[in-house]
Amino acid sequence: MSTKDSTPQEETQLPSVKIPKEINEVLRVAFDKCVKLIGVGEAQKELGFAAQIISKSPTLQKCNAQSVIDAVVNSSRVGITLNPSLRLAYLVPRKGIATLEISYMGMITILKKSGGCKYIEAFIVYQDEAFQYSPAEGTLTHTIYHATTEAEQKQRKIIGCYSRAVLLTNEVVFCFMPMWEIEKVKRFSEGSDSKWSPWQNWEEEMIKKSVIKRHFKTLVSNAEITEVIEALRIEEENNPLVKSSPKKNMFDFNFEE
């Protein structure tokens, strides 16, 4: 997304979608901020997507006004579209607060745009599949099995997830997380049991996102990449760890880091 010059007249051209007047005013504020980041044309597209999403969600319409502005603007900050068909990011209501939830595909898009790698994808591993991973040798083999019916698929047990990245040097690197580790990430993510939580609505995406997020941090070496820094900041704000006070021991790891 490129920043373009704009005029006050252009900036007032918001999409026509039936939403409450107050929300329309909120989106107008967000629009003005987005114009400064991505230009009028792109801002009009993104606010159109935002208006469509919010118009279909009474819960989002009741969210704190400033949080709606921040969530929409954050998508422009990281260069991720809210286009529902691409599923790169979502506007998610959480306890009266609207948040920008970046999907695992969105994380991949940001990583590739940042120059961290040429290609990256995540794959879920099931118990009935042939799978071997050697971190020391950097090798991984996985024979994917496709269930023949939906009923069979629902009975399958997930044992973990891995990401495969092709670096700019054409080197292939892997990152694997066993399911118990992913479950710990989920368990310690605040609000993961809420009906609005992505863990409840898009579990497979969140499983993939957990490993992509871990791989994400190891692949990006240029700490000056604004979009990457912003995406990680948003992730930490949206998925805070549940505060608990059990005694810590040598086995207590923070798997979100």
C-alpha atoms as a PDB file:
ATOM      1  CA  MET A   1       0.000   0.000   0.000  1.00  0.00           C
ATOM      2  CA  SER A   2       1.467   3.338  -1.019  1.00  0.00           C
ATOM      3  CA  THR A   3       0.822   6.752   0.483  1.00  0.00           C
ATOM      4  CA  LYS A   4      -0.675   9.305  -1.911  1.00  0.00           C
ATOM      5  CA  ASP A   5      -1.485  12.984  -1.667  1.00  0.00           C
ATOM      6  CA  SER A   6      -5.099  13.745  -0.863  1.00  0.00           C
ATOM      7  CA  THR A   7      -7.457  16.709  -0.797  1.00  0.00           C
ATOM      8  CA  PRO A   8     -10.058  17.555   1.864  1.00  0.00           C
ATOM      9  CA  GLN A   9     -12.805  16.976  -0.693  1.00  0.00           C
ATOM     10  CA  GLU A  10     -11.555  13.456  -1.461  1.00  0.00           C
ATOM     11  CA  GLU A  11     -11.218  12.580   2.202  1.00  0.00           C
ATOM     12  CA  THR A  12     -14.950  13.018   2.799  1.00  0.00           C
ATOM     13  CA  GLN A  13     -15.941  10.287   0.330  1.00  0.00           C
ATOM     14  CA  LEU A  14     -16.776   7.454   2.720  1.00  0.00           C
ATOM     15  CA  PRO A  15     -18.504   4.241   1.588  1.00  0.00           C
ATOM     16  CA  SER A  16     -22.291   4.240   1.799  1.00  0.00           C
ATOM     17  CA  VAL A  17     -23.256   1.437   4.214  1.00  0.00           C
ATOM     18  CA  LYS A  18     -26.184   1.354   6.634  1.00  0.00           C
ATOM     19  CA  ILE A  19     -24.640   1.715  10.088  1.00  0.00           C
ATOM     20  CA  PRO A  20     -25.524   3.869  13.125  1.00  0.00           C
ATOM     21  CA  LYS A  21     -24.626   7.541  12.783  1.00  0.00           C
ATOM     22  CA  GLU A  22     -22.187   7.343  15.708  1.00  0.00           C
ATOM     23  CA  ILE A  23     -20.253   4.507  14.055  1.00  0.00           C
ATOM     24  CA  ASN A  24     -20.184   6.426  10.782  1.00  0.00           C
ATOM     25  CA  GLU A  25     -18.554   9.345  12.595  1.00  0.00           C
ATOM     26  CA  VAL A  26     -16.050   6.980  14.208  1.00  0.00           C
ATOM     27  CA  LEU A  27     -15.147   5.554  10.804  1.00  0.00           C
ATOM     28  CA  ARG A  28     -14.727   9.071   9.423  1.00  0.00           C
ATOM     29  CA  VAL A  29     -12.060   9.725  12.061  1.00  0.00           C
ATOM     30  CA  ALA A  30     -10.380   6.410  11.227  1.00  0.00           C
ATOM     31  CA  PHE A  31     -10.575   7.255   7.526  1.00  0.00           C
ATOM     32  CA  ASP A  32      -8.705  10.536   7.990  1.00  0.00           C
ATOM     33  CA  LYS A  33      -5.953   8.708   9.877  1.00  0.00           C
ATOM     34  CA  CYS A  34      -5.731   5.926   7.291  1.00  0.00           C
ATOM     35  CA  VAL A  35      -5.434   8.451   4.447  1.00  0.00           C
ATOM     36  CA  LYS A  36      -2.193   9.726   5.989  1.00  0.00           C
ATOM     37  CA  LEU A  37      -0.816   6.182   6.061  1.00  0.00           C
ATOM     38  CA  ILE A  38      -1.988   4.602   2.796  1.00  0.00           C
ATOM     39  CA  GLY A  39      -3.543   7.348   0.665  1.00  0.00           C
ATOM     40  CA  VAL A  40      -7.120   8.172  -0.252  1.00  0.00           C
ATOM     41  CA  GLY A  41      -7.797   5.322  -2.689  1.00  0.00           C
ATOM     42  CA  GLU A  42      -6.626   2.548  -0.384  1.00  0.00           C
ATOM     43  CA  ALA A  43      -8.223   4.187   2.645  1.00  0.00           C
ATOM     44  CA  GLN A  44     -11.592   4.264   0.876  1.00  0.00           C
ATOM     45  CA  LYS A  45     -11.292   0.537   0.144  1.00  0.00           C
ATOM     46  CA  GLU A  46     -10.315  -0.342   3.717  1.00  0.00           C
ATOM     47  CA  LEU A  47     -13.013   1.790   5.308  1.00  0.00           C
ATOM     48  CA  GLY A  48     -15.482   0.174   2.934  1.00  0.00           C
ATOM     49  CA  PHE A  49     -14.462  -3.247   4.241  1.00  0.00           C
ATOM     50  CA  ALA A  50     -14.574  -1.982   7.844  1.00  0.00           C
ATOM     51  CA  ALA A  51     -18.049  -0.504   7.359  1.00  0.00           C
ATOM     52  CA  GLN A  52     -19.337  -3.771   5.865  1.00  0.00           C
ATOM     53  CA  ILE A  53     -17.899  -5.823   8.723  1.00  0.00           C
ATOM     54  CA  ILE A  54     -19.244  -3.528  11.440  1.00  0.00           C
ATOM     55  CA  SER A  55     -22.672  -3.230   9.795  1.00  0.00           C
ATOM     56  CA  LYS A  56     -23.075  -7.014  10.141  1.00  0.00           C
ATOM     57  CA  SER A  57     -21.966  -7.119  13.789  1.00  0.00           C
ATOM     58  CA  PRO A  58     -24.183  -5.531  16.474  1.00  0.00           C
ATOM     59  CA  THR A  59     -21.482  -6.424  19.010  1.00  0.00           C
ATOM     60  CA  LEU A  60     -18.824  -4.433  17.170  1.00  0.00           C
ATOM     61  CA  GLN A  61     -21.257  -1.527  16.913  1.00  0.00           C
ATOM     62  CA  LYS A  62     -21.402  -1.436  20.718  1.00  0.00           C
ATOM     63  CA  CYS A  63     -17.607  -1.419  21.143  1.00  0.00           C
ATOM     64  CA  ASN A  64     -15.663   1.512  22.541  1.00  0.00           C
ATOM     65  CA  ALA A  65     -15.385   4.164  19.791  1.00  0.00           C
ATOM     66  CA  GLN A  66     -11.649   4.745  20.193  1.00  0.00           C
ATOM     67  CA  SER A  67     -10.961   1.009  20.026  1.00  0.00           C
ATOM     68  CA  VAL A  68     -12.798   0.819  16.690  1.00  0.00           C
ATOM     69  CA  ILE A  69     -10.667   3.660  15.345  1.00  0.00           C
ATOM     70  CA  ASP A  70      -7.462   2.037  16.625  1.00  0.00           C
ATOM     71  CA  ALA A  71      -8.329  -1.393  15.209  1.00  0.00           C
ATOM     72  CA  VAL A  72      -9.085  -0.032  11.738  1.00  0.00           C
ATOM     73  CA  VAL A  73      -6.023   2.232  11.695  1.00  0.00           C
ATOM     74  CA  ASN A  74      -3.786  -0.600  12.913  1.00  0.00           C
ATOM     75  CA  SER A  75      -4.613  -2.570   9.765  1.00  0.00           C
ATOM     76  CA  SER A  76      -3.180   0.305   7.724  1.00  0.00           C
ATOM     77  CA  ARG A  77      -0.116   0.547   9.964  1.00  0.00           C
ATOM     78  CA  VAL A  78       0.882  -3.040   9.254  1.00  0.00           C
ATOM     79  CA  GLY A  79      -0.226  -2.997   5.614  1.00  0.00           C
ATOM     80  CA  ILE A  80      -2.906  -5.665   6.032  1.00  0.00           C
ATOM     81  CA  THR A  81      -6.270  -5.433   4.304  1.00  0.00           C
ATOM     82  CA  LEU A  82      -9.579  -6.051   6.070  1.00  0.00           C
ATOM     83  CA  ASN A  83     -10.995  -7.579   2.884  1.00  0.00           C
ATOM     84  CA  PRO A  84     -13.081 -10.488   4.295  1.00  0.00           C
ATOM     85  CA  SER A  85     -12.446 -12.669   1.247  1.00  0.00           C
ATOM     86  CA  LEU A  86      -8.669 -12.638   1.829  1.00  0.00           C
ATOM     87  CA  ARG A  87      -8.953 -13.474   5.560  1.00  0.00           C
ATOM     88  CA  LEU A  88      -5.711 -11.707   6.461  1.00  0.00           C
ATOM     89  CA  ALA A  89      -7.177  -9.842   9.422  1.00  0.00           C
ATOM     90  CA  TYR A  90     -10.424  -9.571  11.364  1.00  0.00           C
ATOM     91  CA  LEU A  91     -12.151  -7.002  13.563  1.00  0.00           C
ATOM     92  CA  VAL A  92     -12.943  -8.909  16.757  1.00  0.00           C
ATOM     93  CA  PRO A  93     -15.007  -7.615  19.728  1.00  0.00           C
ATOM     94  CA  ARG A  94     -13.563  -8.411  23.155  1.00  0.00           C
ATOM     95  CA  LYS A  95     -15.362  -7.238  26.278  1.00  0.00           C
ATOM     96  CA  GLY A  96     -16.561  -4.043  24.598  1.00  0.00           C
ATOM     97  CA  ILE A  97     -13.230  -3.420  22.875  1.00  0.00           C
ATOM     98  CA  ALA A  98     -12.707  -3.799  19.125  1.00  0.00           C
ATOM     99  CA  THR A  99      -9.368  -5.390  18.248  1.00  0.00           C
ATOM    100  CA  LEU A 100      -7.493  -6.145  15.049  1.00  0.00           C
ATOM    101  CA  GLU A 101      -6.835  -9.888  14.928  1.00  0.00           C
ATOM    102  CA  ILE A 102      -4.140 -10.750  12.383  1.00  0.00           C
ATOM    103  CA  SER A 103      -4.654 -14.244  10.967  1.00  0.00           C
ATOM    104  CA  TYR A 104      -1.831 -16.687  10.332  1.00  0.00           C
ATOM    105  CA  MET A 105      -2.117 -15.827   6.632  1.00  0.00           C
ATOM    106  CA  GLY A 106      -1.796 -12.168   7.569  1.00  0.00           C
ATOM    107  CA  MET A 107       1.351 -12.915   9.567  1.00  0.00           C
ATOM    108  CA  ILE A 108       2.740 -14.750   6.546  1.00  0.00           C
ATOM    109  CA  THR A 109       1.947 -11.789   4.287  1.00  0.00           C
ATOM    110  CA  ILE A 110       3.704  -9.354   6.627  1.00  0.00           C
ATOM    111  CA  LEU A 111       6.729 -11.627   6.932  1.00  0.00           C
ATOM    112  CA  LYS A 112       7.111 -12.037   3.174  1.00  0.00           C
ATOM    113  CA  LYS A 113       6.675  -8.302   2.566  1.00  0.00           C
ATOM    114  CA  SER A 114       9.313  -7.565   5.208  1.00  0.00           C
ATOM    115  CA  GLY A 115      11.907  -9.592   3.344  1.00  0.00           C
ATOM    116  CA  GLY A 116      12.224 -12.156   6.122  1.00  0.00           C
ATOM    117  CA  CYS A 117      11.766 -15.038   3.702  1.00  0.00           C
ATOM    118  CA  LYS A 118      10.628 -16.010   0.205  1.00  0.00           C
ATOM    119  CA  TYR A 119       7.946 -18.432   1.343  1.00  0.00           C
ATOM    120  CA  ILE A 120       6.438 -19.717   4.552  1.00  0.00           C
ATOM    121  CA  GLU A 121       3.488 -21.969   5.350  1.00  0.00           C
ATOM    122  CA  ALA A 122       2.189 -23.930   8.323  1.00  0.00           C
ATOM    123  CA  PHE A 123       1.008 -27.540   8.396  1.00  0.00           C
ATOM    124  CA  ILE A 124      -0.956 -29.390  11.058  1.00  0.00           C
ATOM    125  CA  VAL A 125       0.277 -32.891  11.927  1.00  0.00           C
ATOM    126  CA  TYR A 126      -2.184 -35.656  12.836  1.00  0.00           C
ATOM    127  CA  GLN A 127      -1.501 -38.806  14.840  1.00  0.00           C
ATOM    128  CA  ASP A 128      -2.271 -41.076  11.868  1.00  0.00           C
ATOM    129  CA  GLU A 129       0.417 -39.484   9.657  1.00  0.00           C
ATOM    130  CA  ALA A 130       4.082 -40.401   9.181  1.00  0.00           C
ATOM    131  CA  PHE A 131       6.096 -37.573  10.728  1.00  0.00           C
ATOM    132  CA  GLN A 132       9.744 -37.171  11.727  1.00  0.00           C
ATOM    133  CA  TYR A 133      11.541 -34.012  12.798  1.00  0.00           C
ATOM    134  CA  SER A 134      15.215 -33.606  13.719  1.00  0.00           C
ATOM    135  CA  PRO A 135      15.988 -30.093  15.067  1.00  0.00           C
ATOM    136  CA  ALA A 136      19.706 -30.909  15.286  1.00  0.00           C
ATOM    137  CA  GLU A 137      19.913 -31.842  11.601  1.00  0.00           C
ATOM    138  CA  GLY A 138      17.275 -29.375  10.469  1.00  0.00           C
ATOM    139  CA  THR A 139      15.308 -32.069   8.647  1.00  0.00           C
ATOM    140  CA  LEU A 140      11.606 -32.808   8.617  1.00  0.00           C
ATOM    141  CA  THR A 141       9.525 -35.381   6.750  1.00  0.00           C
ATOM    142  CA  HIS A 142       5.744 -35.458   6.750  1.00  0.00           C
ATOM    143  CA  THR A 143       3.411 -37.705   4.782  1.00  0.00           C
ATOM    144  CA  ILE A 144       0.002 -36.048   4.725  1.00  0.00           C
ATOM    145  CA  TYR A 145      -3.093 -38.229   4.994  1.00  0.00           C
ATOM    146  CA  HIS A 146      -6.427 -36.908   3.740  1.00  0.00           C
ATOM    147  CA  ALA A 147      -9.533 -38.184   5.518  1.00  0.00           C
ATOM    148  CA  THR A 148     -12.175 -39.612   3.193  1.00  0.00           C
ATOM    149  CA  THR A 149     -15.174 -38.266   5.144  1.00  0.00           C
ATOM    150  CA  GLU A 150     -15.957 -35.348   7.445  1.00  0.00           C
ATOM    151  CA  ALA A 151     -16.797 -37.786  10.242  1.00  0.00           C
ATOM    152  CA  GLU A 152     -13.364 -39.410   9.917  1.00  0.00           C
ATOM    153  CA  GLN A 153     -11.656 -36.007   9.950  1.00  0.00           C
ATOM    154  CA  LYS A 154     -13.408 -35.020  13.177  1.00  0.00           C
ATOM    155  CA  GLN A 155     -12.093 -38.168  14.871  1.00  0.00           C
ATOM    156  CA  ARG A 156      -8.457 -37.451  14.008  1.00  0.00           C
ATOM    157  CA  LYS A 157      -6.113 -36.236  16.756  1.00  0.00           C
ATOM    158  CA  ILE A 158      -3.733 -33.327  16.203  1.00  0.00           C
ATOM    159  CA  ILE A 159      -0.251 -33.914  17.644  1.00  0.00           C
ATOM    160  CA  GLY A 160       1.364 -30.657  16.582  1.00  0.00           C
ATOM    161  CA  CYS A 161       2.027 -28.089  13.900  1.00  0.00           C
ATOM    162  CA  TYR A 162       5.107 -26.921  12.002  1.00  0.00           C
ATOM    163  CA  SER A 163       6.058 -24.118   9.662  1.00  0.00           C
ATOM    164  CA  ARG A 164       8.354 -24.431   6.662  1.00  0.00           C
ATOM    165  CA  ALA A 165      10.171 -21.324   5.464  1.00  0.00           C
ATOM    166  CA  VAL A 166      12.354 -20.748   2.412  1.00  0.00           C
ATOM    167  CA  LEU A 167      14.887 -18.018   3.185  1.00  0.00           C
ATOM    168  CA  LEU A 168      16.244 -15.481   0.709  1.00  0.00           C
ATOM    169  CA  THR A 169      19.304 -17.738   0.412  1.00  0.00           C
ATOM    170  CA  ASN A 170      16.989 -20.637  -0.582  1.00  0.00           C
ATOM    171  CA  GLU A 171      17.784 -22.409   2.694  1.00  0.00           C
ATOM    172  CA  VAL A 172      14.769 -24.267   4.103  1.00  0.00           C
ATOM    173  CA  VAL A 173      14.149 -23.992   7.843  1.00  0.00           C
ATOM    174  CA  PHE A 174      11.451 -25.475  10.080  1.00  0.00           C
ATOM    175  CA  CYS A 175       9.763 -24.654  13.367  1.00  0.00           C
ATOM    176  CA  PHE A 176       7.698 -27.321  15.163  1.00  0.00           C
ATOM    177  CA  MET A 177       5.411 -27.054  18.178  1.00  0.00           C
ATOM    178  CA  PRO A 178       3.827 -30.147  19.779  1.00  0.00           C
ATOM    179  CA  MET A 179       0.131 -29.857  20.570  1.00  0.00           C
ATOM    180  CA  TRP A 180       0.664 -29.752  24.343  1.00  0.00           C
ATOM    181  CA  GLU A 181       2.751 -26.628  23.830  1.00  0.00           C
ATOM    182  CA  ILE A 182       0.114 -25.027  21.602  1.00  0.00           C
ATOM    183  CA  GLU A 183      -2.529 -25.875  24.186  1.00  0.00           C
ATOM    184  CA  LYS A 184      -0.451 -24.057  26.781  1.00  0.00           C
ATOM    185  CA  VAL A 185      -0.335 -20.969  24.569  1.00  0.00           C
ATOM    186  CA  LYS A 186      -4.113 -21.167  24.241  1.00  0.00           C
ATOM    187  CA  ARG A 187      -4.664 -21.761  27.954  1.00  0.00           C
ATOM    188  CA  PHE A 188      -2.521 -18.796  28.965  1.00  0.00           C
ATOM    189  CA  SER A 189      -4.019 -16.448  26.369  1.00  0.00           C
ATOM    190  CA  GLU A 190      -6.549 -14.178  28.057  1.00  0.00           C
ATOM    191  CA  GLY A 191     -10.119 -14.717  26.880  1.00  0.00           C
ATOM    192  CA  SER A 192      -9.347 -17.872  24.885  1.00  0.00           C
ATOM    193  CA  ASP A 193     -12.482 -19.511  26.311  1.00  0.00           C
ATOM    194  CA  SER A 194     -14.745 -16.632  25.242  1.00  0.00           C
ATOM    195  CA  LYS A 195     -17.259 -17.297  22.477  1.00  0.00           C
ATOM    196  CA  TRP A 196     -15.707 -14.373  20.590  1.00  0.00           C
ATOM    197  CA  SER A 197     -12.194 -15.757  20.836  1.00  0.00           C
ATOM    198  CA  PRO A 198     -10.489 -16.795  17.579  1.00  0.00           C
ATOM    199  CA  TRP A 199      -9.518 -19.978  19.450  1.00  0.00           C
ATOM    200  CA  GLN A 200     -13.199 -20.895  19.589  1.00  0.00           C
ATOM    201  CA  ASN A 201     -14.078 -19.818  16.042  1.00  0.00           C
ATOM    202  CA  TRP A 202     -10.938 -20.497  14.001  1.00  0.00           C
ATOM    203  CA  GLU A 203      -9.032 -23.100  16.007  1.00  0.00           C
ATOM    204  CA  GLU A 204      -6.983 -24.533  13.123  1.00  0.00           C
ATOM    205  CA  GLU A 205      -5.948 -21.033  12.067  1.00  0.00           C
ATOM    206  CA  MET A 206      -4.866 -20.237  15.625  1.00  0.00           C
ATOM    207  CA  ILE A 207      -2.875 -23.466  15.846  1.00  0.00           C
ATOM    208  CA  LYS A 208      -1.026 -22.501  12.671  1.00  0.00           C
ATOM    209  CA  LYS A 209      -0.671 -18.926  13.851  1.00  0.00           C
ATOM    210  CA  SER A 210       1.006 -20.065  17.090  1.00  0.00           C
ATOM    211  CA  VAL A 211       3.855 -21.706  15.213  1.00  0.00           C
ATOM    212  CA  ILE A 212       4.043 -18.984  12.549  1.00  0.00           C
ATOM    213  CA  LYS A 213       4.314 -16.363  15.286  1.00  0.00           C
ATOM    214  CA  ARG A 214       7.205 -18.199  16.930  1.00  0.00           C
ATOM    215  CA  HIS A 215       8.952 -18.691  13.578  1.00  0.00           C
ATOM    216  CA  PHE A 216       8.139 -15.078  12.686  1.00  0.00           C
ATOM    217  CA  LYS A 217      10.384 -13.715  15.435  1.00  0.00           C
ATOM    218  CA  THR A 218      13.375 -15.852  14.471  1.00  0.00           C
ATOM    219  CA  LEU A 219      13.208 -15.044  10.756  1.00  0.00           C
ATOM    220  CA  VAL A 220      13.095 -11.267  10.981  1.00  0.00           C
ATOM    221  CA  SER A 221      16.588  -9.928  11.549  1.00  0.00           C
ATOM    222  CA  ASN A 222      15.932  -6.276  10.611  1.00  0.00           C
ATOM    223  CA  ALA A 223      14.512  -4.712  13.765  1.00  0.00           C
ATOM    224  CA  GLU A 224      13.780  -1.493  11.873  1.00  0.00           C
ATOM    225  CA  ILE A 225      10.942  -2.974   9.825  1.00  0.00           C
ATOM    226  CA  THR A 226       8.007  -0.873  11.005  1.00  0.00           C
ATOM    227  CA  GLU A 227       5.256  -3.255   9.884  1.00  0.00           C
ATOM    228  CA  VAL A 228       6.855  -6.180  11.705  1.00  0.00           C
ATOM    229  CA  ILE A 229       7.325  -4.247  14.945  1.00  0.00           C
ATOM    230  CA  GLU A 230       3.741  -2.986  14.775  1.00  0.00           C
ATOM    231  CA  ALA A 231       2.312  -6.442  14.036  1.00  0.00           C
ATOM    232  CA  LEU A 232       4.117  -7.970  17.020  1.00  0.00           C
ATOM    233  CA  ARG A 233       2.987  -5.101  19.250  1.00  0.00           C
ATOM    234  CA  ILE A 234      -0.634  -5.620  18.213  1.00  0.00           C
ATOM    235  CA  GLU A 235      -0.285  -9.357  18.817  1.00  0.00           C
ATOM    236  CA  GLU A 236       1.003  -8.830  22.341  1.00  0.00           C
ATOM    237  CA  GLU A 237      -1.783  -6.355  23.126  1.00  0.00           C
ATOM    238  CA  ASN A 238      -4.517  -8.581  21.681  1.00  0.00           C
ATOM    239  CA  ASN A 239      -3.307 -11.808  23.281  1.00  0.00           C
ATOM    240  CA  PRO A 240      -2.052 -10.954  26.767  1.00  0.00           C
ATOM    241  CA  LEU A 241      -1.079 -13.833  29.004  1.00  0.00           C
ATOM    242  CA  VAL A 242      -3.509 -14.683  31.775  1.00  0.00           C
ATOM    243  CA  LYS A 243      -2.159 -13.399  35.068  1.00  0.00           C
ATOM    244  CA  SER A 244      -1.615 -16.179  37.561  1.00  0.00           C
ATOM    245  CA  SER A 245       0.332 -16.569  40.775  1.00  0.00           C
ATOM    246  CA  PRO A 246       1.388 -20.193  41.085  1.00  0.00           C
ATOM    247  CA  LYS A 247       4.934 -20.885  42.215  1.00  0.00           C
ATOM    248  CA  LYS A 248       7.297 -20.641  39.288  1.00  0.00           C
ATOM    249  CA  ASN A 249       9.798 -23.364  38.642  1.00  0.00           C
ATOM    250  CA  MET A 250      12.328 -24.269  36.005  1.00  0.00           C
ATOM    251  CA  PHE A 251       9.612 -25.798  33.826  1.00  0.00           C
ATOM    252  CA  ASP A 252       7.499 -22.628  33.588  1.00  0.00           C
ATOM    253  CA  PHE A 253       8.141 -21.254  30.126  1.00  0.00           C
ATOM    254  CA  ASN A 254       6.491 -18.327  28.375  1.00  0.00           C
ATOM    255  CA  PHE A 255       5.634 -19.808  25.009  1.00  0.00           C
ATOM    256  CA  GLU A 256       4.230 -16.510  23.703  1.00  0.00           C
ATOM    257  CA  GLU A 257       7.691 -14.974  23.658  1.00  0.00           C
END
